[in-house]
Amino acid sequence: MSTLKSIHAGLTQAEQDYIRISKVINYDVKPKEDQIKCAIYRALCDSKYLVHVEARYPKASQRCDLIAINLSTNERIAIEIKTAWAGRNWVNKPKEQASTWHADIEKLLALQENGWVNSGYFILCFAYEEGSPAERKLRGEAKTLGGTWSTPFSISNWNGLNKIQFLVLDVFETLSHH
């Protein structure tokens, strides 16, 4: 299975998890990135990758959410995951949220420059209140990244958030063509 197919399999699992969790436990602050990290970890392991969680970047004090090595080809991939939220009763701070996305993308690009990984993916979990002004503002920030959006899915009301959508950005592929 290709890396992207494995990532999408993990996101499908995360989607199913979020739908079930929101029906039972909707009082938590917001959907967390660790849920996605665990689902992608499982999908990559099922596809014969060795996966290191919160791996330290070479020669740096920063960490990467997931580093995976294909045991057949020795290909190394790095994955950074962020959640974003937008709703009427939230302190949304779209510019501040977007700055953390760009910082993760810069970390991935640094790994490419070092030749330490072959592929880098940025995944954004966009949880929002459908139709809210906050959704429009934050979606505008997210669209500047490029990448591929999943189909939005409904969750039970989670502190006002009722939809989730994933963005997958192949950082090296997308940004090398700009």
Protein backbone atom coordinates (compact mmCIF):
# COMPACT_ATOMS: atom_id res chain seq x y z
CA MET A 1 0.00 0.00 0.00
CA SER A 2 1.35 3.44 -0.87
CA THR A 3 2.16 5.96 1.81
CA LEU A 4 -0.77 8.20 0.86
CA LYS A 5 -3.17 5.25 0.89
CA SER A 6 -1.92 4.33 4.36
CA ILE A 7 -2.37 7.91 5.56
CA HIS A 8 -5.90 8.02 4.13
CA ALA A 9 -6.70 4.67 5.78
CA GLY A 10 -5.60 6.22 9.08
CA LEU A 11 -7.73 9.30 8.49
CA THR A 12 -10.74 7.09 7.73
CA GLN A 13 -10.18 5.39 11.08
CA ALA A 14 -9.83 8.77 12.82
CA GLU A 15 -13.08 9.90 11.18
CA GLN A 16 -14.91 6.83 12.47
CA ASP A 17 -13.40 7.38 15.92
CA TYR A 18 -14.43 11.05 16.04
CA ILE A 19 -18.00 10.23 14.97
CA ARG A 20 -18.33 7.62 17.73
CA ILE A 21 -16.52 9.66 20.37
CA SER A 22 -18.60 12.80 19.72
CA LYS A 23 -21.78 10.81 20.44
CA VAL A 24 -20.48 9.75 23.83
CA ILE A 25 -17.90 12.30 24.99
CA ASN A 26 -18.66 15.70 23.52
CA TYR A 27 -17.73 17.70 26.60
CA ASP A 28 -13.99 17.60 25.94
CA VAL A 29 -12.51 20.88 24.75
CA LYS A 30 -12.09 19.91 21.08
CA PRO A 31 -10.99 16.98 18.92
CA LYS A 32 -7.31 16.26 19.60
CA GLU A 33 -4.46 15.55 17.19
CA ASP A 34 -3.42 12.49 19.20
CA GLN A 35 -6.52 10.65 17.96
CA ILE A 36 -5.31 11.18 14.38
CA LYS A 37 -1.73 10.33 15.28
CA CYS A 38 -2.84 6.99 16.76
CA ALA A 39 -5.00 6.13 13.75
CA ILE A 40 -2.25 6.94 11.24
CA TYR A 41 0.30 5.09 13.37
CA ARG A 42 -1.88 1.97 13.24
CA ALA A 43 -2.44 2.26 9.46
CA LEU A 44 1.27 2.73 8.75
CA CYS A 45 2.22 -0.22 10.97
CA ASP A 46 -0.36 -2.35 9.14
CA SER A 47 1.41 -1.33 5.91
CA LYS A 48 4.77 -2.59 7.20
CA TYR A 49 6.25 0.73 8.28
CA LEU A 50 8.32 1.14 11.41
CA VAL A 51 6.81 4.21 13.09
CA HIS A 52 8.51 6.47 15.62
CA VAL A 53 6.16 8.80 17.53
CA GLU A 54 7.39 12.24 18.60
CA ALA A 55 10.73 11.56 16.97
CA ARG A 56 13.47 14.11 17.54
CA TYR A 57 14.61 15.97 14.46
CA PRO A 58 18.27 15.37 13.63
CA LYS A 59 20.53 18.00 15.18
CA ALA A 60 17.59 19.87 16.70
CA SER A 61 15.58 20.00 19.87
CA GLN A 62 12.28 19.89 17.98
CA ARG A 63 10.12 16.81 17.54
CA CYS A 64 8.12 15.40 14.64
CA ASP A 65 4.68 13.86 15.26
CA LEU A 66 5.49 10.71 13.24
CA ILE A 67 8.54 9.44 11.39
CA ALA A 68 7.87 6.24 9.45
CA ILE A 69 10.34 4.01 7.65
CA ASN A 70 9.16 1.61 4.96
CA LEU A 71 10.89 -1.63 5.95
CA SER A 72 10.99 -2.86 2.33
CA THR A 73 12.41 0.24 0.64
CA ASN A 74 13.96 2.16 3.57
CA GLU A 75 11.94 5.23 2.47
CA ARG A 76 11.54 7.69 5.36
CA ILE A 77 8.48 9.88 5.74
CA ALA A 78 7.74 12.61 8.23
CA ILE A 79 4.22 13.61 9.25
CA GLU A 80 3.13 16.68 11.19
CA ILE A 81 -0.47 16.90 12.42
CA LYS A 82 -2.43 19.90 13.65
CA THR A 83 -6.01 20.52 14.66
CA ALA A 84 -7.87 23.71 13.83
CA TRP A 85 -11.16 24.88 15.28
CA ALA A 86 -13.68 27.48 14.32
CA GLY A 87 -17.01 28.21 15.95
CA ARG A 88 -19.19 31.05 17.16
CA ASN A 89 -18.40 30.62 20.86
CA TRP A 90 -14.69 29.92 20.46
CA VAL A 91 -11.63 32.11 20.70
CA ASN A 92 -10.60 31.22 17.16
CA LYS A 93 -7.48 33.33 16.41
CA PRO A 94 -7.16 32.24 12.75
CA LYS A 95 -3.80 33.97 12.16
CA GLU A 96 -2.33 32.41 15.31
CA GLN A 97 -3.58 28.94 14.36
CA ALA A 98 -2.22 29.34 10.82
CA SER A 99 1.20 30.38 12.12
CA THR A 100 1.55 26.99 13.87
CA TRP A 101 0.72 25.21 10.60
CA HIS A 102 3.38 27.16 8.74
CA ALA A 103 5.93 26.40 11.47
CA ASP A 104 5.30 22.66 11.07
CA ILE A 105 5.61 22.93 7.29
CA GLU A 106 8.94 24.74 7.73
CA LYS A 107 10.15 21.95 10.02
CA LEU A 108 9.28 19.39 7.33
CA LEU A 109 11.09 21.41 4.67
CA ALA A 110 14.19 21.52 6.90
CA LEU A 111 14.12 17.71 7.05
CA GLN A 112 14.01 17.61 3.26
CA GLU A 113 16.99 19.96 3.01
CA ASN A 114 18.94 17.68 5.34
CA GLY A 115 18.07 14.71 3.14
CA TRP A 116 16.86 12.93 6.25
CA VAL A 117 13.41 12.01 4.88
CA ASN A 118 12.09 11.26 1.40
CA SER A 119 8.55 12.58 1.94
CA GLY A 120 6.86 15.04 4.25
CA TYR A 121 3.13 15.33 4.92
CA PHE A 122 1.19 17.97 6.82
CA ILE A 123 -2.25 16.94 8.02
CA LEU A 124 -4.81 19.42 9.30
CA CYS A 125 -7.93 18.33 11.15
CA PHE A 126 -10.37 21.20 10.63
CA ALA A 127 -13.21 21.01 13.19
CA TYR A 128 -15.81 23.72 12.75
CA GLU A 129 -19.31 25.00 13.27
CA GLU A 130 -20.79 24.81 9.80
CA GLY A 131 -21.75 28.21 8.39
CA SER A 132 -20.16 30.26 11.15
CA PRO A 133 -18.15 33.40 10.33
CA ALA A 134 -15.23 31.76 12.15
CA GLU A 135 -15.36 28.80 9.77
CA ARG A 136 -15.10 31.11 6.76
CA LYS A 137 -12.13 32.99 8.22
CA LEU A 138 -10.17 29.92 9.24
CA ARG A 139 -11.00 28.06 6.02
CA GLY A 140 -9.58 31.04 4.14
CA GLU A 141 -6.31 30.63 6.03
CA ALA A 142 -6.25 26.88 5.40
CA LYS A 143 -6.92 27.20 1.67
CA THR A 144 -3.66 29.10 1.24
CA LEU A 145 -1.79 25.88 2.06
CA GLY A 146 -2.94 23.94 -1.00
CA GLY A 147 -3.24 20.20 -0.53
CA THR A 148 -6.22 17.90 -0.81
CA TRP A 149 -9.37 18.16 1.31
CA SER A 150 -11.39 15.16 2.42
CA THR A 151 -15.16 15.19 2.27
CA PRO A 152 -16.53 16.92 5.41
CA PHE A 153 -18.29 14.67 7.88
CA SER A 154 -20.77 15.44 10.63
CA ILE A 155 -20.12 14.86 14.30
CA SER A 156 -22.48 15.25 17.22
CA ASN A 157 -22.32 18.77 18.57
CA TRP A 158 -18.91 19.06 20.25
CA ASN A 159 -18.96 22.37 22.13
CA GLY A 160 -20.61 23.95 19.10
CA LEU A 161 -18.44 22.20 16.51
CA ASN A 162 -20.44 19.92 14.22
CA LYS A 163 -18.24 19.13 11.19
CA ILE A 164 -14.71 17.88 10.59
CA GLN A 165 -12.66 17.83 7.43
CA PHE A 166 -9.06 16.76 6.86
CA LEU A 167 -6.47 18.47 4.72
CA VAL A 168 -3.50 16.42 3.50
CA LEU A 169 -0.57 18.35 2.08
CA ASP A 170 2.32 16.52 0.44
CA VAL A 171 4.76 19.24 1.46
CA PHE A 172 7.72 18.28 -0.72
CA GLU A 173 5.61 17.67 -3.82
CA THR A 174 3.39 20.74 -3.49
CA LEU A 175 5.99 23.28 -2.43
CA SER A 176 8.66 22.10 -4.86
CA HIS A 177 6.31 23.10 -7.72
CA HIS A 178 5.86 26.70 -6.50
